Amino acid sequence: MMFIFNDAEDRDRASDGVSRYGVYLRRYPKLFASWDDDGTVTGDPGAFAAAAWQVATSPIMAPPYLDWTAERVQSVTLAGSEDGAGLIARVQVASPDPAALARVRGFAGWDRGDRWNRGYHVPGDAEVARRPAMLTSTLLLFHLPTADLYAPADAPDRLTVTDAKASVKRLAALLDDRVAPVLAALDTPGVAR
């Protein structure tokens, strides 16, 4: 799986002695508010999952509870679907330059980091001052039906770390199933970096 959950760190670094992620969840209750804003937690699996994901990842949690190991993944954002129940996942993935750009010269590409910080990084300002950069990427869009998402068991009565963790873990599994084949194709030997 390309997603990792920092469960040991979540427990070991918890200021409440239970869960660091739980502390952050309590700081952002409005993200989990039901649509009618009656003070209850949303029971909508999509809205709940999007909020749980947002809190579990950077920039809200740094270091995050939920992170990814796939070097090409730049971002994962979630929004409610306007066409039926569910979420639309947007996954930005670093990709090779398309053939149409092969003859365009003078641009640096992704900063590939070093052996301790591998990945596809945006070059720093100093590098861009020396040479412009062209960073190509692909935006993957996925509809995730509500039926496939985790339904929070304790909503609408309360927001629990158990529900939030189960929700982000289910969402990560769904995204992994959809994104992994794309990453495998991009990382096939012979594909331009």
N, C-alpha and C. Protein backbone atom coordinates (compact mmCIF):
# COMPACT_ATOMS: atom_id res chain seq x y z
N MET A 1 0.84 -1.18 0.00
CA MET A 1 0.00 0.00 0.00
C MET A 1 0.89 1.24 0.00
N MET A 2 0.49 2.24 -0.77
CA MET A 2 1.30 3.46 -0.87
C MET A 2 1.05 4.43 0.27
N PHE A 3 0.02 4.19 1.08
CA PHE A 3 -0.26 5.07 2.21
C PHE A 3 0.25 4.45 3.49
N ILE A 4 0.72 5.29 4.39
CA ILE A 4 1.20 4.80 5.69
C ILE A 4 0.46 5.56 6.80
N PHE A 5 0.24 4.85 7.88
CA PHE A 5 -0.44 5.41 9.04
C PHE A 5 0.54 5.36 10.20
N ASN A 6 0.80 6.49 10.78
CA ASN A 6 1.79 6.58 11.85
C ASN A 6 1.13 6.30 13.20
N ASP A 7 0.63 5.05 13.35
CA ASP A 7 -0.08 4.68 14.57
C ASP A 7 0.80 4.69 15.81
N ALA A 8 2.02 4.19 15.70
CA ALA A 8 2.91 4.17 16.87
C ALA A 8 3.24 5.59 17.31
N GLU A 9 3.58 6.44 16.37
CA GLU A 9 3.88 7.84 16.69
C GLU A 9 2.63 8.55 17.21
N ASP A 10 1.48 8.21 16.66
CA ASP A 10 0.22 8.81 17.09
C ASP A 10 0.00 8.56 18.58
N ARG A 11 0.30 7.37 19.01
CA ARG A 11 0.13 7.00 20.42
C ARG A 11 1.27 7.58 21.27
N ASP A 12 2.51 7.43 20.80
CA ASP A 12 3.67 7.85 21.59
C ASP A 12 3.79 9.36 21.77
N ARG A 13 3.32 10.13 20.79
CA ARG A 13 3.46 11.59 20.86
C ARG A 13 2.15 12.29 21.22
N ALA A 14 1.19 11.54 21.73
CA ALA A 14 -0.12 12.11 22.06
C ALA A 14 -0.05 12.95 23.33
N SER A 15 -0.43 14.21 23.23
CA SER A 15 -0.42 15.09 24.40
C SER A 15 -1.49 14.69 25.41
N ASP A 16 -2.52 13.97 24.94
CA ASP A 16 -3.56 13.50 25.86
C ASP A 16 -3.29 12.08 26.34
N GLY A 17 -2.16 11.51 25.91
CA GLY A 17 -1.80 10.16 26.31
C GLY A 17 -2.50 9.07 25.53
N VAL A 18 -3.37 9.43 24.59
CA VAL A 18 -4.14 8.45 23.85
C VAL A 18 -3.85 8.51 22.35
N SER A 19 -4.11 9.69 21.74
CA SER A 19 -3.96 9.81 20.29
C SER A 19 -3.69 11.26 19.89
N ARG A 20 -2.57 11.47 19.25
CA ARG A 20 -2.23 12.80 18.71
C ARG A 20 -3.26 13.21 17.66
N TYR A 21 -3.66 12.27 16.80
CA TYR A 21 -4.68 12.53 15.80
C TYR A 21 -6.00 12.92 16.47
N GLY A 22 -6.33 12.26 17.54
CA GLY A 22 -7.54 12.59 18.30
C GLY A 22 -7.52 14.02 18.81
N VAL A 23 -6.36 14.48 19.27
CA VAL A 23 -6.21 15.86 19.72
C VAL A 23 -6.51 16.82 18.57
N TYR A 24 -5.97 16.53 17.40
CA TYR A 24 -6.22 17.38 16.23
C TYR A 24 -7.69 17.32 15.80
N LEU A 25 -8.32 16.18 15.89
CA LEU A 25 -9.74 16.07 15.56
C LEU A 25 -10.56 17.01 16.44
N ARG A 26 -10.23 17.06 17.72
CA ARG A 26 -10.97 17.92 18.64
C ARG A 26 -10.72 19.41 18.36
N ARG A 27 -9.63 19.74 17.68
CA ARG A 27 -9.35 21.13 17.31
C ARG A 27 -10.16 21.58 16.09
N TYR A 28 -10.66 20.65 15.29
CA TYR A 28 -11.35 20.97 14.04
C TYR A 28 -12.75 20.37 13.97
N PRO A 29 -13.58 20.56 15.00
CA PRO A 29 -14.91 19.94 14.97
C PRO A 29 -15.82 20.50 13.86
N LYS A 30 -15.61 21.73 13.46
CA LYS A 30 -16.47 22.33 12.42
C LYS A 30 -16.34 21.59 11.08
N LEU A 31 -15.18 20.96 10.84
CA LEU A 31 -15.03 20.19 9.60
C LEU A 31 -15.98 19.00 9.55
N PHE A 32 -16.40 18.54 10.73
CA PHE A 32 -17.25 17.35 10.83
C PHE A 32 -18.71 17.69 11.13
N ALA A 33 -19.05 18.97 11.12
CA ALA A 33 -20.41 19.39 11.46
C ALA A 33 -21.40 18.89 10.42
N SER A 34 -22.57 18.51 10.88
CA SER A 34 -23.62 18.07 9.95
C SER A 34 -24.10 19.26 9.13
N TRP A 35 -24.73 18.97 8.00
CA TRP A 35 -25.15 20.03 7.07
C TRP A 35 -26.12 21.02 7.72
N ASP A 36 -26.95 20.55 8.62
CA ASP A 36 -27.92 21.46 9.22
C ASP A 36 -27.34 22.23 10.40
N ASP A 37 -26.06 22.01 10.68
CA ASP A 37 -25.32 22.76 11.72
C ASP A 37 -26.05 22.77 13.06
N ASP A 38 -26.55 21.61 13.44
CA ASP A 38 -27.27 21.51 14.71
C ASP A 38 -26.37 21.04 15.85
N GLY A 39 -25.05 21.07 15.63
CA GLY A 39 -24.11 20.67 16.66
C GLY A 39 -23.78 19.20 16.64
N THR A 40 -24.33 18.46 15.69
CA THR A 40 -24.03 17.04 15.61
C THR A 40 -22.95 16.78 14.57
N VAL A 41 -22.37 15.60 14.65
CA VAL A 41 -21.33 15.17 13.71
C VAL A 41 -22.01 14.58 12.48
N THR A 42 -21.49 14.92 11.31
CA THR A 42 -22.09 14.40 10.08
C THR A 42 -22.01 12.88 10.04
N GLY A 43 -23.08 12.30 9.59
CA GLY A 43 -23.10 10.85 9.39
C GLY A 43 -22.87 10.49 7.93
N ASP A 44 -22.72 11.52 7.09
CA ASP A 44 -22.47 11.29 5.67
C ASP A 44 -21.06 10.74 5.49
N PRO A 45 -20.92 9.53 4.98
CA PRO A 45 -19.59 8.92 4.85
C PRO A 45 -18.62 9.75 4.01
N GLY A 46 -19.10 10.42 2.96
CA GLY A 46 -18.22 11.22 2.12
C GLY A 46 -17.72 12.46 2.83
N ALA A 47 -18.63 13.21 3.43
CA ALA A 47 -18.23 14.42 4.16
C ALA A 47 -17.33 14.06 5.34
N PHE A 48 -17.66 12.97 6.02
CA PHE A 48 -16.85 12.54 7.16
C PHE A 48 -15.44 12.14 6.70
N ALA A 49 -15.36 11.37 5.63
CA ALA A 49 -14.06 10.91 5.13
C ALA A 49 -13.19 12.08 4.67
N ALA A 50 -13.79 13.03 3.96
CA ALA A 50 -13.03 14.20 3.49
C ALA A 50 -12.47 14.99 4.67
N ALA A 51 -13.27 15.17 5.71
CA ALA A 51 -12.82 15.91 6.89
C ALA A 51 -11.73 15.13 7.64
N ALA A 52 -11.95 13.83 7.81
CA ALA A 52 -10.96 13.00 8.52
C ALA A 52 -9.63 12.99 7.78
N TRP A 53 -9.68 12.93 6.45
CA TRP A 53 -8.47 12.95 5.63
C TRP A 53 -7.75 14.29 5.77
N GLN A 54 -8.51 15.37 5.71
CA GLN A 54 -7.92 16.70 5.81
C GLN A 54 -7.17 16.89 7.12
N VAL A 55 -7.76 16.44 8.22
CA VAL A 55 -7.10 16.57 9.53
C VAL A 55 -5.89 15.65 9.63
N ALA A 56 -5.96 14.47 9.04
CA ALA A 56 -4.89 13.46 9.17
C ALA A 56 -3.64 13.78 8.37
N THR A 57 -3.73 14.70 7.42
CA THR A 57 -2.61 14.99 6.52
C THR A 57 -2.07 16.39 6.74
N SER A 58 -0.92 16.66 6.13
CA SER A 58 -0.34 18.00 6.17
C SER A 58 -1.19 18.90 5.28
N PRO A 59 -1.35 20.15 5.57
CA PRO A 59 -0.61 20.92 6.56
C PRO A 59 -1.22 20.92 7.95
N ILE A 60 -2.43 20.36 8.15
CA ILE A 60 -3.00 20.41 9.50
C ILE A 60 -2.14 19.64 10.48
N MET A 61 -1.82 18.40 10.18
CA MET A 61 -0.94 17.62 11.06
C MET A 61 0.45 17.57 10.45
N ALA A 62 1.41 18.05 11.21
CA ALA A 62 2.81 18.00 10.76
C ALA A 62 3.67 17.59 11.95
N PRO A 63 4.24 16.39 11.92
CA PRO A 63 4.12 15.38 10.88
C PRO A 63 2.72 14.78 10.85
N PRO A 64 2.31 14.30 9.69
CA PRO A 64 0.94 13.81 9.54
C PRO A 64 0.71 12.43 10.15
N TYR A 65 -0.55 12.16 10.46
CA TYR A 65 -0.93 10.81 10.85
C TYR A 65 -0.93 9.91 9.62
N LEU A 66 -1.42 10.45 8.50
CA LEU A 66 -1.53 9.73 7.24
C LEU A 66 -0.59 10.37 6.22
N ASP A 67 0.27 9.55 5.63
CA ASP A 67 1.20 10.04 4.63
C ASP A 67 1.26 9.01 3.50
N TRP A 68 1.99 9.34 2.44
CA TRP A 68 2.13 8.37 1.35
C TRP A 68 3.59 8.18 1.02
N THR A 69 3.88 7.00 0.52
CA THR A 69 5.25 6.63 0.18
C THR A 69 5.54 6.76 -1.30
N ALA A 70 4.51 6.88 -2.11
CA ALA A 70 4.70 6.98 -3.56
C ALA A 70 5.36 8.32 -3.90
N GLU A 71 6.54 8.25 -4.46
CA GLU A 71 7.31 9.45 -4.72
C GLU A 71 6.63 10.40 -5.69
N ARG A 72 5.87 9.87 -6.63
CA ARG A 72 5.25 10.72 -7.65
C ARG A 72 4.02 11.47 -7.15
N VAL A 73 3.38 11.01 -6.10
CA VAL A 73 2.16 11.65 -5.61
C VAL A 73 2.50 13.00 -5.01
N GLN A 74 1.88 14.04 -5.57
CA GLN A 74 2.09 15.40 -5.11
C GLN A 74 1.03 15.85 -4.12
N SER A 75 -0.21 15.48 -4.38
CA SER A 75 -1.30 15.88 -3.49
C SER A 75 -2.50 14.98 -3.69
N VAL A 76 -3.31 14.92 -2.65
CA VAL A 76 -4.58 14.21 -2.69
C VAL A 76 -5.60 15.14 -2.05
N THR A 77 -6.62 15.52 -2.81
CA THR A 77 -7.69 16.34 -2.27
C THR A 77 -9.02 15.67 -2.54
N LEU A 78 -9.98 15.97 -1.69
CA LEU A 78 -11.29 15.33 -1.78
C LEU A 78 -12.38 16.38 -1.71
N ALA A 79 -13.43 16.17 -2.48
CA ALA A 79 -14.58 17.07 -2.47
C ALA A 79 -15.83 16.25 -2.71
N GLY A 80 -16.94 16.75 -2.22
CA GLY A 80 -18.21 16.08 -2.46
C GLY A 80 -18.53 16.06 -3.94
N SER A 81 -19.15 14.99 -4.39
CA SER A 81 -19.53 14.86 -5.80
C SER A 81 -20.83 15.63 -6.05
N GLU A 82 -20.88 16.35 -7.15
CA GLU A 82 -22.10 17.06 -7.54
C GLU A 82 -23.05 16.13 -8.29
N ASP A 83 -22.59 14.95 -8.63
CA ASP A 83 -23.38 14.01 -9.41
C ASP A 83 -23.55 12.71 -8.62
N GLY A 84 -24.39 12.74 -7.65
CA GLY A 84 -24.63 11.54 -6.86
C GLY A 84 -23.82 11.53 -5.58
N ALA A 85 -24.21 10.64 -4.71
CA ALA A 85 -23.55 10.53 -3.41
C ALA A 85 -22.14 10.00 -3.57
N GLY A 86 -21.23 10.59 -2.84
CA GLY A 86 -19.85 10.14 -2.87
C GLY A 86 -18.88 11.29 -2.89
N LEU A 87 -17.64 10.95 -3.15
CA LEU A 87 -16.55 11.91 -3.19
C LEU A 87 -15.89 11.90 -4.56
N ILE A 88 -15.30 13.02 -4.90
CA ILE A 88 -14.40 13.08 -6.04
C ILE A 88 -13.00 13.25 -5.46
N ALA A 89 -12.13 12.30 -5.75
CA ALA A 89 -10.74 12.37 -5.32
C ALA A 89 -9.91 12.94 -6.46
N ARG A 90 -9.04 13.87 -6.12
CA ARG A 90 -8.12 14.46 -7.08
C ARG A 90 -6.70 14.14 -6.62
N VAL A 91 -6.01 13.36 -7.42
CA VAL A 91 -4.66 12.93 -7.06
C VAL A 91 -3.71 13.48 -8.12
N GLN A 92 -2.83 14.38 -7.71
CA GLN A 92 -1.84 14.99 -8.61
C GLN A 92 -0.58 14.13 -8.58
N VAL A 93 -0.15 13.68 -9.76
CA VAL A 93 0.97 12.75 -9.88
C VAL A 93 2.03 13.34 -10.82
N ALA A 94 3.28 13.40 -10.38
CA ALA A 94 4.38 13.84 -11.25
C ALA A 94 4.50 12.87 -12.41
N SER A 95 4.65 13.41 -13.61
CA SER A 95 4.72 12.55 -14.79
C SER A 95 5.83 13.02 -15.73
N PRO A 96 6.25 12.15 -16.64
CA PRO A 96 7.26 12.53 -17.62
C PRO A 96 6.72 13.62 -18.54
N ASP A 97 7.63 14.37 -19.15
CA ASP A 97 7.22 15.38 -20.12
C ASP A 97 6.53 14.69 -21.30
N PRO A 98 5.42 15.25 -21.77
CA PRO A 98 4.78 14.67 -22.95
C PRO A 98 5.63 14.89 -24.19
N ALA A 99 5.43 14.06 -25.19
CA ALA A 99 6.22 14.14 -26.42
C ALA A 99 6.16 15.52 -27.05
N ALA A 100 5.04 16.21 -26.93
CA ALA A 100 4.90 17.54 -27.53
C ALA A 100 5.89 18.55 -26.94
N LEU A 101 6.41 18.27 -25.76
CA LEU A 101 7.35 19.19 -25.12
C LEU A 101 8.81 18.73 -25.23
N ALA A 102 9.04 17.64 -25.90
CA ALA A 102 10.39 17.05 -25.97
C ALA A 102 11.42 18.01 -26.56
N ARG A 103 11.01 18.87 -27.48
CA ARG A 103 11.97 19.77 -28.14
C ARG A 103 12.12 21.12 -27.43
N VAL A 104 11.33 21.34 -26.41
CA VAL A 104 11.45 22.60 -25.66
C VAL A 104 12.63 22.46 -24.72
N ARG A 105 13.62 23.28 -24.92
CA ARG A 105 14.87 23.20 -24.14
C ARG A 105 14.97 24.34 -23.14
N GLY A 106 15.86 24.19 -22.20
CA GLY A 106 16.18 25.25 -21.26
C GLY A 106 15.47 25.16 -19.92
N PHE A 107 14.63 24.15 -19.76
CA PHE A 107 13.90 24.01 -18.51
C PHE A 107 14.44 22.84 -17.70
N ALA A 108 14.54 23.05 -16.41
CA ALA A 108 14.83 21.95 -15.50
C ALA A 108 13.52 21.21 -15.23
N GLY A 109 13.63 20.00 -14.75
CA GLY A 109 12.44 19.22 -14.40
C GLY A 109 12.28 19.16 -12.90
N TRP A 110 11.59 18.14 -12.46
CA TRP A 110 11.39 17.92 -11.03
C TRP A 110 12.73 17.76 -10.33
N ASP A 111 12.87 18.31 -9.15
CA ASP A 111 14.03 18.05 -8.30
C ASP A 111 13.81 16.67 -7.71
N ARG A 112 14.73 15.74 -7.98
CA ARG A 112 14.56 14.36 -7.53
C ARG A 112 15.11 14.11 -6.14
N GLY A 113 15.55 15.15 -5.45
CA GLY A 113 16.03 14.97 -4.09
C GLY A 113 17.34 14.22 -4.04
N ASP A 114 17.62 13.64 -2.91
CA ASP A 114 18.85 12.87 -2.73
C ASP A 114 18.48 11.53 -2.08
N ARG A 115 19.47 10.80 -1.67
CA ARG A 115 19.16 9.46 -1.16
C ARG A 115 18.37 9.47 0.15
N TRP A 116 18.37 10.61 0.87
CA TRP A 116 17.61 10.71 2.11
C TRP A 116 16.24 11.37 1.89
N ASN A 117 16.08 12.05 0.80
CA ASN A 117 14.84 12.79 0.55
C ASN A 117 14.39 12.55 -0.89
N ARG A 118 14.16 11.29 -1.20
CA ARG A 118 13.79 10.93 -2.57
C ARG A 118 12.38 11.41 -2.88
N GLY A 119 12.14 11.64 -4.13
CA GLY A 119 10.80 12.03 -4.56
C GLY A 119 10.85 13.00 -5.71
N TYR A 120 9.71 13.56 -6.01
CA TYR A 120 9.57 14.56 -7.06
C TYR A 120 9.20 15.86 -6.35
N HIS A 121 10.19 16.75 -6.21
CA HIS A 121 10.01 17.98 -5.46
C HIS A 121 10.06 19.18 -6.38
N VAL A 122 9.36 20.23 -6.01
CA VAL A 122 9.45 21.50 -6.73
C VAL A 122 10.82 22.08 -6.44
N PRO A 123 11.56 22.49 -7.48
CA PRO A 123 12.88 23.07 -7.23
C PRO A 123 12.77 24.33 -6.37
N GLY A 124 13.78 24.56 -5.58
CA GLY A 124 13.81 25.74 -4.72
C GLY A 124 14.00 27.02 -5.53
N ASP A 125 13.77 28.14 -4.89
CA ASP A 125 13.88 29.44 -5.55
C ASP A 125 15.26 29.68 -6.15
N ALA A 126 16.31 29.24 -5.47
CA ALA A 126 17.67 29.45 -5.97
C ALA A 126 17.88 28.70 -7.29
N GLU A 127 17.35 27.48 -7.37
CA GLU A 127 17.48 26.71 -8.61
C GLU A 127 16.68 27.36 -9.74
N VAL A 128 15.49 27.84 -9.43
CA VAL A 128 14.65 28.47 -10.45
C VAL A 128 15.25 29.80 -10.90
N ALA A 129 15.96 30.49 -10.00
CA ALA A 129 16.62 31.75 -10.39
C ALA A 129 17.71 31.48 -11.43
N ARG A 130 18.34 30.30 -11.35
CA ARG A 130 19.38 29.93 -12.31
C ARG A 130 18.82 29.38 -13.61
N ARG A 131 17.68 28.68 -13.50
CA ARG A 131 17.12 28.01 -14.68
C ARG A 131 15.63 27.76 -14.44
N PRO A 132 14.77 28.17 -15.38
CA PRO A 132 13.34 27.93 -15.17
C PRO A 132 13.04 26.44 -15.13
N ALA A 133 11.92 26.10 -14.56
CA ALA A 133 11.53 24.69 -14.45
C ALA A 133 10.17 24.46 -15.11
N MET A 134 10.02 23.30 -15.72
CA MET A 134 8.75 22.86 -16.27
C MET A 134 8.42 21.53 -15.59
N LEU A 135 7.41 21.55 -14.73
CA LEU A 135 7.06 20.38 -13.94
C LEU A 135 5.76 19.80 -14.47
N THR A 136 5.86 18.70 -15.15
CA THR A 136 4.66 18.09 -15.72
C THR A 136 4.06 17.11 -14.72
N SER A 137 2.75 17.09 -14.73
CA SER A 137 2.03 16.19 -13.84
C SER A 137 0.71 15.80 -14.48
N THR A 138 0.10 14.81 -13.89
CA THR A 138 -1.19 14.31 -14.35
C THR A 138 -2.15 14.39 -13.18
N LEU A 139 -3.35 14.88 -13.45
CA LEU A 139 -4.38 14.93 -12.43
C LEU A 139 -5.32 13.75 -12.64
N LEU A 140 -5.34 12.87 -11.66
CA LEU A 140 -6.23 11.71 -11.69
C LEU A 140 -7.49 12.05 -10.92
N LEU A 141 -8.65 11.80 -11.50
CA LEU A 141 -9.93 12.07 -10.86
C LEU A 141 -10.68 10.75 -10.69
N PHE A 142 -11.19 10.52 -9.49
CA PHE A 142 -11.92 9.29 -9.21
C PHE A 142 -13.21 9.61 -8.47
N HIS A 143 -14.29 8.97 -8.86
CA HIS A 143 -15.53 9.04 -8.08
C HIS A 143 -15.50 7.89 -7.09
N LEU A 144 -15.70 8.21 -5.83
CA LEU A 144 -15.73 7.19 -4.79
C LEU A 144 -17.14 7.17 -4.21
N PRO A 145 -17.94 6.17 -4.57
CA PRO A 145 -19.34 6.12 -4.12
C PRO A 145 -19.45 6.00 -2.60
N THR A 146 -20.48 6.60 -2.06
CA THR A 146 -20.72 6.56 -0.62
C THR A 146 -20.75 5.12 -0.11
N ALA A 147 -21.31 4.22 -0.87
CA ALA A 147 -21.42 2.82 -0.44
C ALA A 147 -20.05 2.18 -0.20
N ASP A 148 -19.00 2.70 -0.85
CA ASP A 148 -17.66 2.15 -0.68
C ASP A 148 -16.91 2.75 0.50
N LEU A 149 -17.42 3.83 1.05
CA LEU A 149 -16.74 4.54 2.13
C LEU A 149 -17.17 4.00 3.49
N TYR A 150 -16.36 4.29 4.50
CA TYR A 150 -16.68 3.88 5.86
C TYR A 150 -17.79 4.78 6.42
N ALA A 151 -18.81 4.19 6.99
CA ALA A 151 -19.88 4.94 7.64
C ALA A 151 -19.55 5.10 9.12
N PRO A 152 -19.41 6.34 9.59
CA PRO A 152 -19.02 6.55 10.99
C PRO A 152 -20.08 5.99 11.95
N ALA A 153 -19.65 5.10 12.82
CA ALA A 153 -20.56 4.40 13.73
C ALA A 153 -21.04 5.29 14.88
N ASP A 154 -20.21 6.24 15.32
CA ASP A 154 -20.55 7.05 16.48
C ASP A 154 -21.24 8.37 16.13
N ALA A 155 -21.34 8.69 14.84
CA ALA A 155 -22.04 9.91 14.42
C ALA A 155 -23.54 9.60 14.43
N PRO A 156 -24.36 10.54 14.73
CA PRO A 156 -24.12 11.98 14.91
C PRO A 156 -23.81 12.38 16.34
N ASP A 157 -23.76 11.41 17.25
CA ASP A 157 -23.60 11.75 18.66
C ASP A 157 -22.23 12.33 19.02
N ARG A 158 -21.19 11.73 18.43
CA ARG A 158 -19.84 12.22 18.78
C ARG A 158 -18.84 11.88 17.70
N LEU A 159 -17.76 12.64 17.72
CA LEU A 159 -16.63 12.44 16.80
C LEU A 159 -15.60 11.62 17.55
N THR A 160 -15.25 10.44 17.00
CA THR A 160 -14.27 9.58 17.68
C THR A 160 -13.08 9.32 16.78
N VAL A 161 -11.95 9.13 17.42
CA VAL A 161 -10.73 8.80 16.68
C VAL A 161 -10.87 7.43 16.02
N THR A 162 -11.63 6.54 16.62
CA THR A 162 -11.85 5.21 16.03
C THR A 162 -12.53 5.34 14.67
N ASP A 163 -13.60 6.15 14.60
CA ASP A 163 -14.28 6.37 13.33
C ASP A 163 -13.37 7.07 12.33
N ALA A 164 -12.66 8.10 12.78
CA ALA A 164 -11.80 8.86 11.87
C ALA A 164 -10.70 7.98 11.29
N LYS A 165 -10.06 7.19 12.12
CA LYS A 165 -9.01 6.30 11.62
C LYS A 165 -9.57 5.25 10.66
N ALA A 166 -10.71 4.67 10.99
CA ALA A 166 -11.32 3.68 10.10
C ALA A 166 -11.70 4.32 8.77
N SER A 167 -12.16 5.55 8.82
CA SER A 167 -12.55 6.25 7.60
C SER A 167 -11.35 6.52 6.68
N VAL A 168 -10.26 7.05 7.25
CA VAL A 168 -9.10 7.35 6.40
C VAL A 168 -8.42 6.07 5.91
N LYS A 169 -8.45 5.03 6.70
CA LYS A 169 -7.85 3.77 6.25
C LYS A 169 -8.66 3.15 5.10
N ARG A 170 -9.97 3.23 5.17
CA ARG A 170 -10.80 2.73 4.07
C ARG A 170 -10.58 3.57 2.82
N LEU A 171 -10.55 4.87 2.98
CA LEU A 171 -10.33 5.78 1.85
C LEU A 171 -8.96 5.54 1.22
N ALA A 172 -7.94 5.35 2.04
CA ALA A 172 -6.59 5.07 1.52
C ALA A 172 -6.57 3.78 0.72
N ALA A 173 -7.28 2.76 1.18
CA ALA A 173 -7.32 1.49 0.45
C ALA A 173 -8.00 1.67 -0.92
N LEU A 174 -9.08 2.44 -0.95
CA LEU A 174 -9.77 2.70 -2.22
C LEU A 174 -8.86 3.47 -3.18
N LEU A 175 -8.17 4.48 -2.68
CA LEU A 175 -7.27 5.26 -3.53
C LEU A 175 -6.08 4.43 -3.99
N ASP A 176 -5.57 3.61 -3.11
CA ASP A 176 -4.45 2.76 -3.48
C ASP A 176 -4.83 1.84 -4.64
N ASP A 177 -6.01 1.26 -4.59
CA ASP A 177 -6.48 0.38 -5.67
C ASP A 177 -6.52 1.11 -7.01
N ARG A 178 -6.88 2.39 -6.98
CA ARG A 178 -7.05 3.14 -8.22
C ARG A 178 -5.75 3.80 -8.71
N VAL A 179 -4.91 4.23 -7.80
CA VAL A 179 -3.70 4.98 -8.17
C VAL A 179 -2.51 4.06 -8.44
N ALA A 180 -2.40 2.96 -7.73
CA ALA A 180 -1.25 2.06 -7.86
C ALA A 180 -0.97 1.63 -9.29
N PRO A 181 -1.98 1.25 -10.10
CA PRO A 181 -1.68 0.86 -11.49
C PRO A 181 -1.07 2.00 -12.32
N VAL A 182 -1.50 3.23 -12.06
CA VAL A 182 -0.95 4.39 -12.79
C VAL A 182 0.51 4.59 -12.40
N LEU A 183 0.79 4.51 -11.10
CA LEU A 183 2.17 4.67 -10.63
C LEU A 183 3.06 3.56 -11.17
N ALA A 184 2.55 2.34 -11.20
CA ALA A 184 3.33 1.22 -11.73
C ALA A 184 3.67 1.45 -13.19
N ALA A 185 2.71 1.96 -13.96
CA ALA A 185 2.96 2.23 -15.38
C ALA A 185 4.01 3.33 -15.54
N LEU A 186 3.93 4.37 -14.73
CA LEU A 186 4.90 5.48 -14.82
C LEU A 186 6.29 5.05 -14.36
N ASP A 187 6.35 4.12 -13.44
CA ASP A 187 7.66 3.68 -12.92
C ASP A 187 8.20 2.45 -13.63
N THR A 188 7.58 2.05 -14.74
CA THR A 188 8.08 0.95 -15.54
C THR A 188 9.42 1.34 -16.17
N PRO A 189 10.41 0.46 -16.14
CA PRO A 189 11.70 0.78 -16.77
C PRO A 189 11.47 1.21 -18.23
N GLY A 190 12.18 2.26 -18.61
CA GLY A 190 12.06 2.78 -19.96
C GLY A 190 11.15 3.98 -20.08
N VAL A 191 10.31 4.22 -19.06
CA VAL A 191 9.46 5.40 -19.07
C VAL A 191 10.31 6.58 -18.61
N ALA A 192 10.24 7.67 -19.35
CA ALA A 192 11.06 8.85 -19.02
C ALA A 192 10.72 9.34 -17.62
N ARG A 193 11.70 9.83 -16.96
CA ARG A 193 11.52 10.33 -15.60
C ARG A 193 11.17 11.78 -15.67
